[in-house]
Amino acid sequence: MKKRGRKRSSKYFPNTITNPEQLPDRVWFNKSGAGKWMLDYTDLITSKKRSMRICSAQASLNEIW
């Protein structure tokens, strides 16, 4: 199945990720500080877009999924 939307534009990913195209939808890497993996979602109560930290920068692709 073809992914919708544009390709990931960030050129910086930790060394544990060899192919960023295999990441789940709406997951992105925040390189501030020590780094962290974030997930974008819509809050069902307020209908606002939010982001939450899902794992550390050293996480493997399996841990992110």
PDB file of N, CA and C in Angstrom:
ATOM      1  N   MET A   1       0.839  -1.180   0.000  1.00  0.00           N
ATOM      2  CA  MET A   1       0.000   0.000   0.000  1.00  0.00           C
ATOM      3  C   MET A   1       0.888   1.249   0.000  1.00  0.00           C
ATOM      4  N   LYS A   2       0.585   2.173  -0.852  1.00  0.00           N
ATOM      5  CA  LYS A   2       1.363   3.399  -0.958  1.00  0.00           C
ATOM      6  C   LYS A   2       0.998   4.343   0.189  1.00  0.00           C
ATOM      7  N   LYS A   3       2.050   4.937   0.817  1.00  0.00           N
ATOM      8  CA  LYS A   3       1.807   5.903   1.877  1.00  0.00           C
ATOM      9  C   LYS A   3       1.322   7.212   1.285  1.00  0.00           C
ATOM     10  N   ARG A   4       0.420   7.847   1.980  1.00  0.00           N
ATOM     11  CA  ARG A   4      -0.098   9.135   1.535  1.00  0.00           C
ATOM     12  C   ARG A   4       0.800  10.250   2.025  1.00  0.00           C
ATOM     13  N   GLY A   5       0.728  11.392   1.376  1.00  0.00           N
ATOM     14  CA  GLY A   5       1.460  12.568   1.819  1.00  0.00           C
ATOM     15  C   GLY A   5       2.851  12.648   1.209  1.00  0.00           C
ATOM     16  N   ARG A   6       3.605  13.624   1.665  1.00  0.00           N
ATOM     17  CA  ARG A   6       4.938  13.833   1.124  1.00  0.00           C
ATOM     18  C   ARG A   6       5.957  12.979   1.861  1.00  0.00           C
ATOM     19  N   LYS A   7       7.132  12.828   1.264  1.00  0.00           N
ATOM     20  CA  LYS A   7       8.193  12.051   1.887  1.00  0.00           C
ATOM     21  C   LYS A   7       8.729  12.794   3.102  1.00  0.00           C
ATOM     22  N   ARG A   8       9.359  12.063   3.989  1.00  0.00           N
ATOM     23  CA  ARG A   8       9.953  12.677   5.178  1.00  0.00           C
ATOM     24  C   ARG A   8      11.065  13.618   4.751  1.00  0.00           C
ATOM     25  N   SER A   9      11.015  14.845   5.249  1.00  0.00           N
ATOM     26  CA  SER A   9      11.964  15.854   4.793  1.00  0.00           C
ATOM     27  C   SER A   9      13.186  15.974   5.692  1.00  0.00           C
ATOM     28  N   SER A  10      13.130  15.419   6.894  1.00  0.00           N
ATOM     29  CA  SER A  10      14.265  15.526   7.811  1.00  0.00           C
ATOM     30  C   SER A  10      15.412  14.661   7.314  1.00  0.00           C
ATOM     31  N   LYS A  11      16.600  15.190   7.347  1.00  0.00           N
ATOM     32  CA  LYS A  11      17.772  14.441   6.933  1.00  0.00           C
ATOM     33  C   LYS A  11      18.510  13.859   8.128  1.00  0.00           C
ATOM     34  N   TYR A  12      18.095  14.197   9.340  1.00  0.00           N
ATOM     35  CA  TYR A  12      18.780  13.716  10.528  1.00  0.00           C
ATOM     36  C   TYR A  12      17.947  12.659  11.232  1.00  0.00           C
ATOM     37  N   PHE A  13      18.487  11.456  11.292  1.00  0.00           N
ATOM     38  CA  PHE A  13      17.897  10.364  12.047  1.00  0.00           C
ATOM     39  C   PHE A  13      19.030   9.684  12.807  1.00  0.00           C
ATOM     40  N   PRO A  14      18.766   9.096  13.965  1.00  0.00           N
ATOM     41  CA  PRO A  14      19.814   8.379  14.681  1.00  0.00           C
ATOM     42  C   PRO A  14      20.342   7.203  13.858  1.00  0.00           C
ATOM     43  N   ASN A  15      21.523   6.716  14.219  1.00  0.00           N
ATOM     44  CA  ASN A  15      22.153   5.624  13.482  1.00  0.00           C
ATOM     45  C   ASN A  15      21.361   4.323  13.566  1.00  0.00           C
ATOM     46  N   THR A  16      20.460   4.193  14.527  1.00  0.00           N
ATOM     47  CA  THR A  16      19.676   2.967  14.666  1.00  0.00           C
ATOM     48  C   THR A  16      18.627   2.826  13.568  1.00  0.00           C
ATOM     49  N   ILE A  17      18.315   3.909  12.872  1.00  0.00           N
ATOM     50  CA  ILE A  17      17.312   3.883  11.801  1.00  0.00           C
ATOM     51  C   ILE A  17      18.038   3.953  10.458  1.00  0.00           C
ATOM     52  N   THR A  18      17.993   2.863   9.703  1.00  0.00           N
ATOM     53  CA  THR A  18      18.682   2.847   8.415  1.00  0.00           C
ATOM     54  C   THR A  18      17.774   3.283   7.275  1.00  0.00           C
ATOM     55  N   ASN A  19      16.473   3.009   7.393  1.00  0.00           N
ATOM     56  CA  ASN A  19      15.524   3.391   6.343  1.00  0.00           C
ATOM     57  C   ASN A  19      14.344   4.125   6.981  1.00  0.00           C
ATOM     58  N   PRO A  20      14.334   5.456   6.950  1.00  0.00           N
ATOM     59  CA  PRO A  20      13.250   6.218   7.587  1.00  0.00           C
ATOM     60  C   PRO A  20      11.875   5.986   6.966  1.00  0.00           C
ATOM     61  N   GLU A  21      11.814   5.457   5.753  1.00  0.00           N
ATOM     62  CA  GLU A  21      10.522   5.207   5.114  1.00  0.00           C
ATOM     63  C   GLU A  21       9.756   4.082   5.802  1.00  0.00           C
ATOM     64  N   GLN A  22      10.422   3.272   6.623  1.00  0.00           N
ATOM     65  CA  GLN A  22       9.770   2.172   7.326  1.00  0.00           C
ATOM     66  C   GLN A  22       9.145   2.605   8.650  1.00  0.00           C
ATOM     67  N   LEU A  23       9.305   3.870   9.017  1.00  0.00           N
ATOM     68  CA  LEU A  23       8.719   4.368  10.261  1.00  0.00           C
ATOM     69  C   LEU A  23       7.200   4.442  10.139  1.00  0.00           C
ATOM     70  N   PRO A  24       6.488   4.296  11.256  1.00  0.00           N
ATOM     71  CA  PRO A  24       5.020   4.428  11.217  1.00  0.00           C
ATOM     72  C   PRO A  24       4.595   5.840  10.811  1.00  0.00           C
ATOM     73  N   ASP A  25       3.376   5.959  10.338  1.00  0.00           N
ATOM     74  CA  ASP A  25       2.831   7.274   9.991  1.00  0.00           C
ATOM     75  C   ASP A  25       2.765   8.147  11.233  1.00  0.00           C
ATOM     76  N   ARG A  26       2.972   9.445  11.051  1.00  0.00           N
ATOM     77  CA  ARG A  26       2.871  10.467  12.092  1.00  0.00           C
ATOM     78  C   ARG A  26       3.934  10.349  13.178  1.00  0.00           C
ATOM     79  N   VAL A  27       4.994   9.576  12.950  1.00  0.00           N
ATOM     80  CA  VAL A  27       6.109   9.484  13.893  1.00  0.00           C
ATOM     81  C   VAL A  27       7.264  10.280  13.320  1.00  0.00           C
ATOM     82  N   TRP A  28       7.910  11.078  14.177  1.00  0.00           N
ATOM     83  CA  TRP A  28       9.013  11.919  13.732  1.00  0.00           C
ATOM     84  C   TRP A  28      10.050  12.021  14.837  1.00  0.00           C
ATOM     85  N   PHE A  29      11.256  12.433  14.459  1.00  0.00           N
ATOM     86  CA  PHE A  29      12.362  12.542  15.407  1.00  0.00           C
ATOM     87  C   PHE A  29      12.581  13.992  15.779  1.00  0.00           C
ATOM     88  N   ASN A  30      12.551  14.279  17.081  1.00  0.00           N
ATOM     89  CA  ASN A  30      12.821  15.612  17.607  1.00  0.00           C
ATOM     90  C   ASN A  30      14.262  15.596  18.087  1.00  0.00           C
ATOM     91  N   LYS A  31      15.147  16.343  17.423  1.00  0.00           N
ATOM     92  CA  LYS A  31      16.565  16.285  17.766  1.00  0.00           C
ATOM     93  C   LYS A  31      16.974  17.267  18.861  1.00  0.00           C
ATOM     94  N   SER A  32      16.029  17.945  19.486  1.00  0.00           N
ATOM     95  CA  SER A  32      16.383  18.869  20.559  1.00  0.00           C
ATOM     96  C   SER A  32      16.866  18.092  21.779  1.00  0.00           C
ATOM     97  N   GLY A  33      17.829  18.650  22.467  1.00  0.00           N
ATOM     98  CA  GLY A  33      18.387  17.982  23.642  1.00  0.00           C
ATOM     99  C   GLY A  33      19.090  16.703  23.244  1.00  0.00           C
ATOM    100  N   ALA A  34      18.784  15.617  23.941  1.00  0.00           N
ATOM    101  CA  ALA A  34      19.386  14.315  23.626  1.00  0.00           C
ATOM    102  C   ALA A  34      18.638  13.616  22.506  1.00  0.00           C
ATOM    103  N   GLY A  35      17.489  14.132  22.109  1.00  0.00           N
ATOM    104  CA  GLY A  35      16.686  13.549  21.045  1.00  0.00           C
ATOM    105  C   GLY A  35      15.583  12.666  21.589  1.00  0.00           C
ATOM    106  N   LYS A  36      14.504  12.541  20.829  1.00  0.00           N
ATOM    107  CA  LYS A  36      13.374  11.703  21.229  1.00  0.00           C
ATOM    108  C   LYS A  36      12.484  11.467  20.024  1.00  0.00           C
ATOM    109  N   TRP A  37      11.761  10.355  20.027  1.00  0.00           N
ATOM    110  CA  TRP A  37      10.798  10.029  18.991  1.00  0.00           C
ATOM    111  C   TRP A  37       9.431  10.507  19.437  1.00  0.00           C
ATOM    112  N   MET A  38       8.730  11.199  18.543  1.00  0.00           N
ATOM    113  CA  MET A  38       7.446  11.809  18.861  1.00  0.00           C
ATOM    114  C   MET A  38       6.353  11.236  17.956  1.00  0.00           C
ATOM    115  N   LEU A  39       5.125  11.270  18.457  1.00  0.00           N
ATOM    116  CA  LEU A  39       3.953  10.829  17.709  1.00  0.00           C
ATOM    117  C   LEU A  39       2.950  11.971  17.680  1.00  0.00           C
ATOM    118  N   ASP A  40       2.487  12.345  16.495  1.00  0.00           N
ATOM    119  CA  ASP A  40       1.440  13.360  16.349  1.00  0.00           C
ATOM    120  C   ASP A  40       0.081  12.673  16.393  1.00  0.00           C
ATOM    121  N   TYR A  41      -0.858  13.255  17.117  1.00  0.00           N
ATOM    122  CA  TYR A  41      -2.209  12.705  17.198  1.00  0.00           C
ATOM    123  C   TYR A  41      -3.198  13.836  17.415  1.00  0.00           C
ATOM    124  N   THR A  42      -4.472  13.550  17.250  1.00  0.00           N
ATOM    125  CA  THR A  42      -5.525  14.529  17.483  1.00  0.00           C
ATOM    126  C   THR A  42      -6.241  14.168  18.774  1.00  0.00           C
ATOM    127  N   ASP A  43      -6.296  15.106  19.705  1.00  0.00           N
ATOM    128  CA  ASP A  43      -6.985  14.904  20.976  1.00  0.00           C
ATOM    129  C   ASP A  43      -8.486  14.834  20.707  1.00  0.00           C
ATOM    130  N   LEU A  44      -9.109  13.736  21.111  1.00  0.00           N
ATOM    131  CA  LEU A  44     -10.534  13.550  20.820  1.00  0.00           C
ATOM    132  C   LEU A  44     -11.437  14.491  21.609  1.00  0.00           C
ATOM    133  N   ILE A  45     -11.009  14.920  22.772  1.00  0.00           N
ATOM    134  CA  ILE A  45     -11.834  15.798  23.599  1.00  0.00           C
ATOM    135  C   ILE A  45     -11.795  17.234  23.090  1.00  0.00           C
ATOM    136  N   THR A  46     -10.593  17.744  22.814  1.00  0.00           N
ATOM    137  CA  THR A  46     -10.459  19.146  22.415  1.00  0.00           C
ATOM    138  C   THR A  46     -10.349  19.339  20.901  1.00  0.00           C
ATOM    139  N   SER A  47     -10.172  18.253  20.151  1.00  0.00           N
ATOM    140  CA  SER A  47      -9.990  18.289  18.691  1.00  0.00           C
ATOM    141  C   SER A  47      -8.760  19.086  18.277  1.00  0.00           C
ATOM    142  N   LYS A  48      -7.752  19.153  19.153  1.00  0.00           N
ATOM    143  CA  LYS A  48      -6.505  19.840  18.839  1.00  0.00           C
ATOM    144  C   LYS A  48      -5.434  18.809  18.488  1.00  0.00           C
ATOM    145  N   LYS A  49      -4.506  19.223  17.634  1.00  0.00           N
ATOM    146  CA  LYS A  49      -3.386  18.363  17.285  1.00  0.00           C
ATOM    147  C   LYS A  49      -2.356  18.435  18.402  1.00  0.00           C
ATOM    148  N   ARG A  50      -1.849  17.284  18.801  1.00  0.00           N
ATOM    149  CA  ARG A  50      -0.888  17.182  19.894  1.00  0.00           C
ATOM    150  C   ARG A  50       0.267  16.286  19.475  1.00  0.00           C
ATOM    151  N   SER A  51       1.351  16.350  20.229  1.00  0.00           N
ATOM    152  CA  SER A  51       2.492  15.457  20.055  1.00  0.00           C
ATOM    153  C   SER A  51       2.845  14.884  21.409  1.00  0.00           C
ATOM    154  N   MET A  52       3.273  13.613  21.404  1.00  0.00           N
ATOM    155  CA  MET A  52       3.722  13.008  22.649  1.00  0.00           C
ATOM    156  C   MET A  52       4.975  12.195  22.385  1.00  0.00           C
ATOM    157  N   ARG A  53       5.828  12.131  23.402  1.00  0.00           N
ATOM    158  CA  ARG A  53       7.074  11.383  23.313  1.00  0.00           C
ATOM    159  C   ARG A  53       6.751   9.904  23.431  1.00  0.00           C
ATOM    160  N   ILE A  54       7.301   9.084  22.514  1.00  0.00           N
ATOM    161  CA  ILE A  54       7.020   7.659  22.588  1.00  0.00           C
ATOM    162  C   ILE A  54       8.245   6.840  22.986  1.00  0.00           C
ATOM    163  N   CYS A  55       9.465   7.319  22.695  1.00  0.00           N
ATOM    164  CA  CYS A  55      10.666   6.605  23.130  1.00  0.00           C
ATOM    165  C   CYS A  55      11.893   7.488  22.959  1.00  0.00           C
ATOM    166  N   SER A  56      13.022   6.979  23.438  1.00  0.00           N
ATOM    167  CA  SER A  56      14.257   7.758  23.412  1.00  0.00           C
ATOM    168  C   SER A  56      14.920   7.701  22.037  1.00  0.00           C
ATOM    169  N   ALA A  57      15.993   8.445  21.887  1.00  0.00           N
ATOM    170  CA  ALA A  57      16.691   8.519  20.602  1.00  0.00           C
ATOM    171  C   ALA A  57      17.369   7.204  20.247  1.00  0.00           C
ATOM    172  N   GLN A  58      17.703   6.382  21.227  1.00  0.00           N
ATOM    173  CA  GLN A  58      18.422   5.133  20.972  1.00  0.00           C
ATOM    174  C   GLN A  58      17.494   3.977  20.602  1.00  0.00           C
ATOM    175  N   ALA A  59      16.205   4.208  20.488  1.00  0.00           N
ATOM    176  CA  ALA A  59      15.240   3.146  20.209  1.00  0.00           C
ATOM    177  C   ALA A  59      15.441   2.576  18.803  1.00  0.00           C
ATOM    178  N   SER A  60      15.226   1.278  18.679  1.00  0.00           N
ATOM    179  CA  SER A  60      15.309   0.633  17.370  1.00  0.00           C
ATOM    180  C   SER A  60      13.967   0.782  16.647  1.00  0.00           C
ATOM    181  N   LEU A  61      13.952   0.369  15.402  1.00  0.00           N
ATOM    182  CA  LEU A  61      12.723   0.455  14.616  1.00  0.00           C
ATOM    183  C   LEU A  61      11.618  -0.415  15.220  1.00  0.00           C
ATOM    184  N   ASN A  62      11.986  -1.578  15.733  1.00  0.00           N
ATOM    185  CA  ASN A  62      11.014  -2.462  16.380  1.00  0.00           C
ATOM    186  C   ASN A  62      10.409  -1.817  17.625  1.00  0.00           C
ATOM    187  N   GLU A  63      11.215  -1.131  18.409  1.00  0.00           N
ATOM    188  CA  GLU A  63      10.711  -0.463  19.613  1.00  0.00           C
ATOM    189  C   GLU A  63       9.797   0.701  19.255  1.00  0.00           C
ATOM    190  N   ILE A  64      10.075   1.389  18.181  1.00  0.00           N
ATOM    191  CA  ILE A  64       9.224   2.501  17.754  1.00  0.00           C
ATOM    192  C   ILE A  64       7.870   1.990  17.308  1.00  0.00           C
ATOM    193  N   TRP A  65       7.846   0.876  16.581  1.00  0.00           N
ATOM    194  CA  TRP A  65       6.578   0.287  16.157  1.00  0.00           C
ATOM    195  C   TRP A  65       5.813  -0.202  17.348  1.00  0.00           C
TER     196      TRP A  65
END
